[in-house]
Amino acid sequence: MTLDRSFEDFERDMRLQGFEMVVEKQWPAHSVVETHVHPFAAKALVVQGEMWLTVGDVIRHLRPGSTFELDHEQPHAERYGHEGATYWVARRGADAPVG
């Protein structure tokens, strides 16, 4: 799938929605991140590869063009496919600059 928007477009839109930080995250193939939380809210767009996001009892399979949102301190787990994944993520909250 080819995305019809650039990182710059995504960043502009997210900043207009009040997000303080917008970054690109890249995850290697077959990475697994066990259940954890972040000290910020996040809104993301998958741009390459695939991932599975688990929030509570719900597992979502995300591919390029898929979006997801997480609230501040919302427990979730992540698993990445055989290509890994890249997504653009906007962060909002007092600790938004955290890696």
PDB file of N, CA and C in Angstrom:
ATOM      1  N   MET A   1       0.845  -1.183   0.000  1.00  0.00           N
ATOM      2  CA  MET A   1       0.000   0.000   0.000  1.00  0.00           C
ATOM      3  C   MET A   1       0.885   1.238   0.000  1.00  0.00           C
ATOM      4  N   THR A   2       0.544   2.218  -0.819  1.00  0.00           N
ATOM      5  CA  THR A   2       1.253   3.485  -0.860  1.00  0.00           C
ATOM      6  C   THR A   2       0.415   4.518  -0.130  1.00  0.00           C
ATOM      7  N   LEU A   3       1.038   5.189   0.825  1.00  0.00           N
ATOM      8  CA  LEU A   3       0.317   6.212   1.578  1.00  0.00           C
ATOM      9  C   LEU A   3       0.237   7.489   0.756  1.00  0.00           C
ATOM     10  N   ASP A   4      -0.876   8.185   0.887  1.00  0.00           N
ATOM     11  CA  ASP A   4      -1.065   9.414   0.132  1.00  0.00           C
ATOM     12  C   ASP A   4      -0.736  10.656   0.952  1.00  0.00           C
ATOM     13  N   ARG A   5       0.045  10.473   2.015  1.00  0.00           N
ATOM     14  CA  ARG A   5       0.452  11.623   2.809  1.00  0.00           C
ATOM     15  C   ARG A   5       1.892  11.458   3.251  1.00  0.00           C
ATOM     16  N   SER A   6       2.513  12.569   3.533  1.00  0.00           N
ATOM     17  CA  SER A   6       3.906  12.563   3.973  1.00  0.00           C
ATOM     18  C   SER A   6       3.979  12.678   5.493  1.00  0.00           C
ATOM     19  N   PHE A   7       5.163  12.417   6.019  1.00  0.00           N
ATOM     20  CA  PHE A   7       5.387  12.608   7.449  1.00  0.00           C
ATOM     21  C   PHE A   7       5.086  14.057   7.828  1.00  0.00           C
ATOM     22  N   GLU A   8       5.484  14.983   6.974  1.00  0.00           N
ATOM     23  CA  GLU A   8       5.247  16.405   7.258  1.00  0.00           C
ATOM     24  C   GLU A   8       3.757  16.709   7.369  1.00  0.00           C
ATOM     25  N   ASP A   9       2.941  16.103   6.493  1.00  0.00           N
ATOM     26  CA  ASP A   9       1.479  16.285   6.565  1.00  0.00           C
ATOM     27  C   ASP A   9       0.944  15.727   7.886  1.00  0.00           C
ATOM     28  N   PHE A  10       1.398  14.521   8.240  1.00  0.00           N
ATOM     29  CA  PHE A  10       0.964  13.886   9.488  1.00  0.00           C
ATOM     30  C   PHE A  10       1.348  14.764  10.671  1.00  0.00           C
ATOM     31  N   GLU A  11       2.600  15.210  10.687  1.00  0.00           N
ATOM     32  CA  GLU A  11       3.070  16.039  11.803  1.00  0.00           C
ATOM     33  C   GLU A  11       2.249  17.319  11.932  1.00  0.00           C
ATOM     34  N   ARG A  12       1.999  17.990  10.829  1.00  0.00           N
ATOM     35  CA  ARG A  12       1.200  19.220  10.850  1.00  0.00           C
ATOM     36  C   ARG A  12      -0.193  18.947  11.415  1.00  0.00           C
ATOM     37  N   ASP A  13      -0.836  17.888  10.938  1.00  0.00           N
ATOM     38  CA  ASP A  13      -2.188  17.560  11.409  1.00  0.00           C
ATOM     39  C   ASP A  13      -2.202  17.245  12.905  1.00  0.00           C
ATOM     40  N   MET A  14      -1.213  16.502  13.360  1.00  0.00           N
ATOM     41  CA  MET A  14      -1.164  16.130  14.777  1.00  0.00           C
ATOM     42  C   MET A  14      -0.883  17.343  15.665  1.00  0.00           C
ATOM     43  N   ARG A  15      -0.006  18.219  15.226  1.00  0.00           N
ATOM     44  CA  ARG A  15       0.262  19.427  16.017  1.00  0.00           C
ATOM     45  C   ARG A  15      -0.979  20.306  16.099  1.00  0.00           C
ATOM     46  N   LEU A  16      -1.760  20.362  15.029  1.00  0.00           N
ATOM     47  CA  LEU A  16      -3.015  21.113  15.048  1.00  0.00           C
ATOM     48  C   LEU A  16      -4.017  20.502  16.027  1.00  0.00           C
ATOM     49  N   GLN A  17      -3.884  19.188  16.298  1.00  0.00           N
ATOM     50  CA  GLN A  17      -4.751  18.503  17.263  1.00  0.00           C
ATOM     51  C   GLN A  17      -4.201  18.581  18.688  1.00  0.00           C
ATOM     52  N   GLY A  18      -3.082  19.294  18.880  1.00  0.00           N
ATOM     53  CA  GLY A  18      -2.556  19.499  20.218  1.00  0.00           C
ATOM     54  C   GLY A  18      -1.464  18.550  20.666  1.00  0.00           C
ATOM     55  N   PHE A  19      -0.944  17.731  19.764  1.00  0.00           N
ATOM     56  CA  PHE A  19       0.153  16.833  20.128  1.00  0.00           C
ATOM     57  C   PHE A  19       1.458  17.621  20.108  1.00  0.00           C
ATOM     58  N   GLU A  20       2.284  17.429  21.138  1.00  0.00           N
ATOM     59  CA  GLU A  20       3.517  18.200  21.267  1.00  0.00           C
ATOM     60  C   GLU A  20       4.697  17.610  20.504  1.00  0.00           C
ATOM     61  N   MET A  21       4.693  16.299  20.316  1.00  0.00           N
ATOM     62  CA  MET A  21       5.845  15.635  19.708  1.00  0.00           C
ATOM     63  C   MET A  21       5.360  14.642  18.662  1.00  0.00           C
ATOM     64  N   VAL A  22       6.033  14.617  17.517  1.00  0.00           N
ATOM     65  CA  VAL A  22       5.694  13.669  16.458  1.00  0.00           C
ATOM     66  C   VAL A  22       7.003  13.046  15.978  1.00  0.00           C
ATOM     67  N   VAL A  23       7.061  11.711  15.990  1.00  0.00           N
ATOM     68  CA  VAL A  23       8.283  10.997  15.625  1.00  0.00           C
ATOM     69  C   VAL A  23       7.965   9.788  14.763  1.00  0.00           C
ATOM     70  N   GLU A  24       8.997   9.260  14.124  1.00  0.00           N
ATOM     71  CA  GLU A  24       8.894   7.996  13.401  1.00  0.00           C
ATOM     72  C   GLU A  24       9.540   6.926  14.262  1.00  0.00           C
ATOM     73  N   LYS A  25       8.828   5.830  14.481  1.00  0.00           N
ATOM     74  CA  LYS A  25       9.353   4.696  15.255  1.00  0.00           C
ATOM     75  C   LYS A  25       9.532   3.519  14.307  1.00  0.00           C
ATOM     76  N   GLN A  26      10.682   2.875  14.387  1.00  0.00           N
ATOM     77  CA  GLN A  26      10.968   1.695  13.584  1.00  0.00           C
ATOM     78  C   GLN A  26      11.261   0.532  14.515  1.00  0.00           C
ATOM     79  N   TRP A  27      10.625  -0.602  14.239  1.00  0.00           N
ATOM     80  CA  TRP A  27      10.803  -1.796  15.060  1.00  0.00           C
ATOM     81  C   TRP A  27      11.339  -2.921  14.206  1.00  0.00           C
ATOM     82  N   PRO A  28      12.345  -3.647  14.699  1.00  0.00           N
ATOM     83  CA  PRO A  28      12.900  -4.767  13.927  1.00  0.00           C
ATOM     84  C   PRO A  28      11.937  -5.956  13.852  1.00  0.00           C
ATOM     85  N   ALA A  29      12.210  -6.806  12.895  1.00  0.00           N
ATOM     86  CA  ALA A  29      11.398  -8.011  12.681  1.00  0.00           C
ATOM     87  C   ALA A  29      11.282  -8.833  13.953  1.00  0.00           C
ATOM     88  N   HIS A  30      10.087  -9.339  14.169  1.00  0.00           N
ATOM     89  CA  HIS A  30       9.778 -10.278  15.246  1.00  0.00           C
ATOM     90  C   HIS A  30       9.973  -9.709  16.652  1.00  0.00           C
ATOM     91  N   SER A  31      10.037  -8.394  16.775  1.00  0.00           N
ATOM     92  CA  SER A  31      10.147  -7.784  18.112  1.00  0.00           C
ATOM     93  C   SER A  31       8.867  -8.010  18.891  1.00  0.00           C
ATOM     94  N   VAL A  32       9.006  -8.186  20.191  1.00  0.00           N
ATOM     95  CA  VAL A  32       7.864  -8.330  21.091  1.00  0.00           C
ATOM     96  C   VAL A  32       8.086  -7.377  22.261  1.00  0.00           C
ATOM     97  N   VAL A  33       7.077  -6.570  22.548  1.00  0.00           N
ATOM     98  CA  VAL A  33       7.120  -5.667  23.693  1.00  0.00           C
ATOM     99  C   VAL A  33       5.965  -6.077  24.606  1.00  0.00           C
ATOM    100  N   GLU A  34       6.319  -6.640  25.746  1.00  0.00           N
ATOM    101  CA  GLU A  34       5.304  -7.118  26.687  1.00  0.00           C
ATOM    102  C   GLU A  34       4.463  -5.942  27.209  1.00  0.00           C
ATOM    103  N   THR A  35       3.422  -6.238  27.918  1.00  0.00           N
ATOM    104  CA  THR A  35       2.491  -5.223  28.409  1.00  0.00           C
ATOM    105  C   THR A  35       3.237  -4.132  29.175  1.00  0.00           C
ATOM    106  N   HIS A  36       2.918  -2.891  28.795  1.00  0.00           N
ATOM    107  CA  HIS A  36       3.558  -1.726  29.378  1.00  0.00           C
ATOM    108  C   HIS A  36       2.635  -0.512  29.216  1.00  0.00           C
ATOM    109  N   VAL A  37       3.031   0.608  29.771  1.00  0.00           N
ATOM    110  CA  VAL A  37       2.280   1.859  29.637  1.00  0.00           C
ATOM    111  C   VAL A  37       3.254   2.971  29.263  1.00  0.00           C
ATOM    112  N   HIS A  38       2.706   4.082  28.785  1.00  0.00           N
ATOM    113  CA  HIS A  38       3.493   5.273  28.480  1.00  0.00           C
ATOM    114  C   HIS A  38       2.946   6.449  29.279  1.00  0.00           C
ATOM    115  N   PRO A  39       3.801   7.399  29.646  1.00  0.00           N
ATOM    116  CA  PRO A  39       3.344   8.573  30.382  1.00  0.00           C
ATOM    117  C   PRO A  39       2.793   9.658  29.462  1.00  0.00           C
ATOM    118  N   PHE A  40       2.259   9.257  28.316  1.00  0.00           N
ATOM    119  CA  PHE A  40       1.688  10.193  27.352  1.00  0.00           C
ATOM    120  C   PHE A  40       0.591   9.488  26.565  1.00  0.00           C
ATOM    121  N   ALA A  41      -0.292  10.276  25.965  1.00  0.00           N
ATOM    122  CA  ALA A  41      -1.285   9.742  25.030  1.00  0.00           C
ATOM    123  C   ALA A  41      -0.623   9.682  23.657  1.00  0.00           C
ATOM    124  N   ALA A  42      -1.046   8.744  22.819  1.00  0.00           N
ATOM    125  CA  ALA A  42      -0.430   8.579  21.504  1.00  0.00           C
ATOM    126  C   ALA A  42      -1.475   8.337  20.431  1.00  0.00           C
ATOM    127  N   LYS A  43      -1.159   8.827  19.242  1.00  0.00           N
ATOM    128  CA  LYS A  43      -1.985   8.579  18.061  1.00  0.00           C
ATOM    129  C   LYS A  43      -1.011   8.272  16.930  1.00  0.00           C
ATOM    130  N   ALA A  44      -1.199   7.124  16.246  1.00  0.00           N
ATOM    131  CA  ALA A  44      -0.186   6.675  15.289  1.00  0.00           C
ATOM    132  C   ALA A  44      -0.785   6.192  13.975  1.00  0.00           C
ATOM    133  N   LEU A  45       0.066   6.191  12.957  1.00  0.00           N
ATOM    134  CA  LEU A  45      -0.258   5.696  11.627  1.00  0.00           C
ATOM    135  C   LEU A  45       0.839   4.730  11.211  1.00  0.00           C
ATOM    136  N   VAL A  46       0.474   3.473  10.932  1.00  0.00           N
ATOM    137  CA  VAL A  46       1.441   2.477  10.460  1.00  0.00           C
ATOM    138  C   VAL A  46       1.750   2.790   9.000  1.00  0.00           C
ATOM    139  N   VAL A  47       3.055   2.858   8.663  1.00  0.00           N
ATOM    140  CA  VAL A  47       3.444   3.199   7.297  1.00  0.00           C
ATOM    141  C   VAL A  47       4.212   2.084   6.588  1.00  0.00           C
ATOM    142  N   GLN A  48       4.686   1.090   7.337  1.00  0.00           N
ATOM    143  CA  GLN A  48       5.407  -0.025   6.718  1.00  0.00           C
ATOM    144  C   GLN A  48       5.338  -1.243   7.632  1.00  0.00           C
ATOM    145  N   GLY A  49       5.314  -2.431   7.040  1.00  0.00           N
ATOM    146  CA  GLY A  49       5.329  -3.669   7.818  1.00  0.00           C
ATOM    147  C   GLY A  49       3.980  -3.974   8.446  1.00  0.00           C
ATOM    148  N   GLU A  50       4.031  -4.729   9.543  1.00  0.00           N
ATOM    149  CA  GLU A  50       2.804  -5.075  10.248  1.00  0.00           C
ATOM    150  C   GLU A  50       3.099  -5.284  11.719  1.00  0.00           C
ATOM    151  N   MET A  51       2.052  -5.116  12.511  1.00  0.00           N
ATOM    152  CA  MET A  51       2.172  -5.302  13.953  1.00  0.00           C
ATOM    153  C   MET A  51       0.840  -5.750  14.514  1.00  0.00           C
ATOM    154  N   TRP A  52       0.895  -6.315  15.705  1.00  0.00           N
ATOM    155  CA  TRP A  52      -0.300  -6.685  16.446  1.00  0.00           C
ATOM    156  C   TRP A  52      -0.261  -5.894  17.739  1.00  0.00           C
ATOM    157  N   LEU A  53      -1.320  -5.160  18.005  1.00  0.00           N
ATOM    158  CA  LEU A  53      -1.438  -4.338  19.202  1.00  0.00           C
ATOM    159  C   LEU A  53      -2.507  -4.961  20.085  1.00  0.00           C
ATOM    160  N   THR A  54      -2.135  -5.261  21.328  1.00  0.00           N
ATOM    161  CA  THR A  54      -3.076  -5.853  22.268  1.00  0.00           C
ATOM    162  C   THR A  54      -3.396  -4.836  23.349  1.00  0.00           C
ATOM    163  N   VAL A  55      -4.690  -4.531  23.473  1.00  0.00           N
ATOM    164  CA  VAL A  55      -5.191  -3.638  24.521  1.00  0.00           C
ATOM    165  C   VAL A  55      -6.324  -4.390  25.210  1.00  0.00           C
ATOM    166  N   GLY A  56      -6.114  -4.749  26.464  1.00  0.00           N
ATOM    167  CA  GLY A  56      -7.099  -5.573  27.158  1.00  0.00           C
ATOM    168  C   GLY A  56      -7.201  -6.922  26.480  1.00  0.00           C
ATOM    169  N   ASP A  57      -8.418  -7.328  26.128  1.00  0.00           N
ATOM    170  CA  ASP A  57      -8.647  -8.606  25.451  1.00  0.00           C
ATOM    171  C   ASP A  57      -8.711  -8.467  23.932  1.00  0.00           C
ATOM    172  N   VAL A  58      -8.460  -7.256  23.430  1.00  0.00           N
ATOM    173  CA  VAL A  58      -8.583  -6.997  21.991  1.00  0.00           C
ATOM    174  C   VAL A  58      -7.201  -6.975  21.346  1.00  0.00           C
ATOM    175  N   ILE A  59      -7.039  -7.792  20.300  1.00  0.00           N
ATOM    176  CA  ILE A  59      -5.802  -7.823  19.523  1.00  0.00           C
ATOM    177  C   ILE A  59      -6.129  -7.287  18.132  1.00  0.00           C
ATOM    178  N   ARG A  60      -5.405  -6.244  17.724  1.00  0.00           N
ATOM    179  CA  ARG A  60      -5.599  -5.658  16.389  1.00  0.00           C
ATOM    180  C   ARG A  60      -4.390  -5.947  15.523  1.00  0.00           C
ATOM    181  N   HIS A  61      -4.630  -6.398  14.306  1.00  0.00           N
ATOM    182  CA  HIS A  61      -3.570  -6.612  13.318  1.00  0.00           C
ATOM    183  C   HIS A  61      -3.506  -5.345  12.473  1.00  0.00           C
ATOM    184  N   LEU A  62      -2.386  -4.647  12.545  1.00  0.00           N
ATOM    185  CA  LEU A  62      -2.246  -3.347  11.887  1.00  0.00           C
ATOM    186  C   LEU A  62      -1.248  -3.429  10.743  1.00  0.00           C
ATOM    187  N   ARG A  63      -1.622  -2.851   9.606  1.00  0.00           N
ATOM    188  CA  ARG A  63      -0.800  -2.829   8.402  1.00  0.00           C
ATOM    189  C   ARG A  63      -0.702  -1.389   7.912  1.00  0.00           C
ATOM    190  N   PRO A  64       0.088  -1.113   6.879  1.00  0.00           N
ATOM    191  CA  PRO A  64       0.186   0.258   6.383  1.00  0.00           C
ATOM    192  C   PRO A  64      -1.194   0.867   6.110  1.00  0.00           C
ATOM    193  N   GLY A  65      -1.380   2.062   6.649  1.00  0.00           N
ATOM    194  CA  GLY A  65      -2.662   2.761   6.550  1.00  0.00           C
ATOM    195  C   GLY A  65      -3.508   2.619   7.796  1.00  0.00           C
ATOM    196  N   SER A  66      -3.194   1.631   8.642  1.00  0.00           N
ATOM    197  CA  SER A  66      -3.935   1.446   9.901  1.00  0.00           C
ATOM    198  C   SER A  66      -3.517   2.519  10.903  1.00  0.00           C
ATOM    199  N   THR A  67      -4.460   2.914  11.742  1.00  0.00           N
ATOM    200  CA  THR A  67      -4.174   3.870  12.800  1.00  0.00           C
ATOM    201  C   THR A  67      -4.516   3.253  14.145  1.00  0.00           C
ATOM    202  N   PHE A  68      -3.912   3.806  15.188  1.00  0.00           N
ATOM    203  CA  PHE A  68      -4.284   3.409  16.538  1.00  0.00           C
ATOM    204  C   PHE A  68      -4.052   4.572  17.489  1.00  0.00           C
ATOM    205  N   GLU A  69      -4.794   4.548  18.591  1.00  0.00           N
ATOM    206  CA  GLU A  69      -4.667   5.559  19.630  1.00  0.00           C
ATOM    207  C   GLU A  69      -4.566   4.871  20.978  1.00  0.00           C
ATOM    208  N   LEU A  70      -3.762   5.448  21.850  1.00  0.00           N
ATOM    209  CA  LEU A  70      -3.619   4.940  23.215  1.00  0.00           C
ATOM    210  C   LEU A  70      -3.737   6.113  24.177  1.00  0.00           C
ATOM    211  N   ASP A  71      -4.481   5.908  25.234  1.00  0.00           N
ATOM    212  CA  ASP A  71      -4.584   6.924  26.270  1.00  0.00           C
ATOM    213  C   ASP A  71      -3.342   6.909  27.147  1.00  0.00           C
ATOM    214  N   HIS A  72      -3.137   7.978  27.867  1.00  0.00           N
ATOM    215  CA  HIS A  72      -2.075   8.090  28.863  1.00  0.00           C
ATOM    216  C   HIS A  72      -2.170   6.919  29.839  1.00  0.00           C
ATOM    217  N   GLU A  73      -1.052   6.216  30.060  1.00  0.00           N
ATOM    218  CA  GLU A  73      -0.982   5.087  31.008  1.00  0.00           C
ATOM    219  C   GLU A  73      -1.879   3.895  30.636  1.00  0.00           C
ATOM    220  N   GLN A  74      -2.287   3.755  29.378  1.00  0.00           N
ATOM    221  CA  GLN A  74      -3.129   2.630  28.956  1.00  0.00           C
ATOM    222  C   GLN A  74      -2.260   1.391  28.719  1.00  0.00           C
ATOM    223  N   PRO A  75      -2.481   0.311  29.475  1.00  0.00           N
ATOM    224  CA  PRO A  75      -1.679  -0.903  29.285  1.00  0.00           C
ATOM    225  C   PRO A  75      -1.899  -1.503  27.893  1.00  0.00           C
ATOM    226  N   HIS A  76      -0.802  -1.895  27.256  1.00  0.00           N
ATOM    227  CA  HIS A  76      -0.868  -2.510  25.935  1.00  0.00           C
ATOM    228  C   HIS A  76       0.408  -3.300  25.683  1.00  0.00           C
ATOM    229  N   ALA A  77       0.340  -4.207  24.716  1.00  0.00           N
ATOM    230  CA  ALA A  77       1.493  -4.997  24.292  1.00  0.00           C
ATOM    231  C   ALA A  77       1.595  -4.898  22.775  1.00  0.00           C
ATOM    232  N   GLU A  78       2.792  -5.127  22.254  1.00  0.00           N
ATOM    233  CA  GLU A  78       3.042  -5.003  20.818  1.00  0.00           C
ATOM    234  C   GLU A  78       3.841  -6.198  20.330  1.00  0.00           C
ATOM    235  N   ARG A  79       3.520  -6.638  19.125  1.00  0.00           N
ATOM    236  CA  ARG A  79       4.294  -7.704  18.469  1.00  0.00           C
ATOM    237  C   ARG A  79       4.421  -7.315  17.009  1.00  0.00           C
ATOM    238  N   TYR A  80       5.620  -7.492  16.455  1.00  0.00           N
ATOM    239  CA  TYR A  80       5.910  -7.039  15.099  1.00  0.00           C
ATOM    240  C   TYR A  80       6.165  -8.215  14.174  1.00  0.00           C
ATOM    241  N   GLY A  81       5.785  -8.064  12.901  1.00  0.00           N
ATOM    242  CA  GLY A  81       5.862  -9.132  11.916  1.00  0.00           C
ATOM    243  C   GLY A  81       7.253  -9.389  11.375  1.00  0.00           C
ATOM    244  N   HIS A  82       7.317 -10.216  10.328  1.00  0.00           N
ATOM    245  CA  HIS A  82       8.597 -10.652   9.776  1.00  0.00           C
ATOM    246  C   HIS A  82       9.379  -9.532   9.105  1.00  0.00           C
ATOM    247  N   GLU A  83       8.737  -8.408   8.785  1.00  0.00           N
ATOM    248  CA  GLU A  83       9.429  -7.238   8.235  1.00  0.00           C
ATOM    249  C   GLU A  83       9.680  -6.187   9.302  1.00  0.00           C
ATOM    250  N   GLY A  84       9.200  -6.414  10.507  1.00  0.00           N
ATOM    251  CA  GLY A  84       9.204  -5.346  11.494  1.00  0.00           C
ATOM    252  C   GLY A  84       8.096  -4.365  11.143  1.00  0.00           C
ATOM    253  N   ALA A  85       8.192  -3.150  11.632  1.00  0.00           N
ATOM    254  CA  ALA A  85       7.171  -2.149  11.312  1.00  0.00           C
ATOM    255  C   ALA A  85       7.731  -0.754  11.543  1.00  0.00           C
ATOM    256  N   THR A  86       7.163   0.169  10.805  1.00  0.00           N
ATOM    257  CA  THR A  86       7.445   1.591  10.992  1.00  0.00           C
ATOM    258  C   THR A  86       6.114   2.281  11.147  1.00  0.00           C
ATOM    259  N   TYR A  87       6.043   3.161  12.150  1.00  0.00           N
ATOM    260  CA  TYR A  87       4.852   3.999  12.274  1.00  0.00           C
ATOM    261  C   TYR A  87       5.237   5.396  12.699  1.00  0.00           C
ATOM    262  N   TRP A  88       4.370   6.333  12.335  1.00  0.00           N
ATOM    263  CA  TRP A  88       4.509   7.717  12.770  1.00  0.00           C
ATOM    264  C   TRP A  88       3.619   7.877  13.977  1.00  0.00           C
ATOM    265  N   VAL A  89       4.140   8.473  15.039  1.00  0.00           N
ATOM    266  CA  VAL A  89       3.356   8.584  16.260  1.00  0.00           C
ATOM    267  C   VAL A  89       3.436   9.995  16.826  1.00  0.00           C
ATOM    268  N   ALA A  90       2.281  10.503  17.205  1.00  0.00           N
ATOM    269  CA  ALA A  90       2.175  11.799  17.864  1.00  0.00           C
ATOM    270  C   ALA A  90       1.925  11.541  19.343  1.00  0.00           C
ATOM    271  N   ARG A  91       2.573  12.341  20.175  1.00  0.00           N
ATOM    272  CA  ARG A  91       2.471  12.157  21.620  1.00  0.00           C
ATOM    273  C   ARG A  91       1.984  13.447  22.275  1.00  0.00           C
ATOM    274  N   ARG A  92       1.122  13.260  23.268  1.00  0.00           N
ATOM    275  CA  ARG A  92       0.597  14.408  24.011  1.00  0.00           C
ATOM    276  C   ARG A  92       0.646  14.087  25.497  1.00  0.00           C
ATOM    277  N   GLY A  93       1.217  14.976  26.267  1.00  0.00           N
ATOM    278  CA  GLY A  93       1.284  14.793  27.713  1.00  0.00           C
ATOM    279  C   GLY A  93       2.554  15.392  28.273  1.00  0.00           C
ATOM    280  N   ALA A  94       2.599  15.527  29.579  1.00  0.00           N
ATOM    281  CA  ALA A  94       3.718  16.182  30.250  1.00  0.00           C
ATOM    282  C   ALA A  94       5.052  15.539  29.920  1.00  0.00           C
ATOM    283  N   ASP A  95       5.082  14.243  29.700  1.00  0.00           N
ATOM    284  CA  ASP A  95       6.332  13.538  29.447  1.00  0.00           C
ATOM    285  C   ASP A  95       6.465  13.098  27.997  1.00  0.00           C
ATOM    286  N   ALA A  96       5.844  13.817  27.080  1.00  0.00           N
ATOM    287  CA  ALA A  96       5.827  13.412  25.671  1.00  0.00           C
ATOM    288  C   ALA A  96       7.192  13.100  25.080  1.00  0.00           C
ATOM    289  N   PRO A  97       8.291  13.761  25.442  1.00  0.00           N
ATOM    290  CA  PRO A  97       9.564  13.448  24.794  1.00  0.00           C
ATOM    291  C   PRO A  97      10.195  12.109  25.139  1.00  0.00           C
ATOM    292  N   VAL A  98       9.620  11.308  25.984  1.00  0.00           N
ATOM    293  CA  VAL A  98      10.195  10.007  26.334  1.00  0.00           C
ATOM    294  C   VAL A  98      10.367   9.164  25.079  1.00  0.00           C
ATOM    295  N   GLY A  99      11.536   8.464  24.957  1.00  0.00           N
ATOM    296  CA  GLY A  99      11.897   7.620  23.816  1.00  0.00           C
ATOM    297  C   GLY A  99      10.842   6.740  23.373  1.00  0.00           C
TER     298      GLY A  99
END
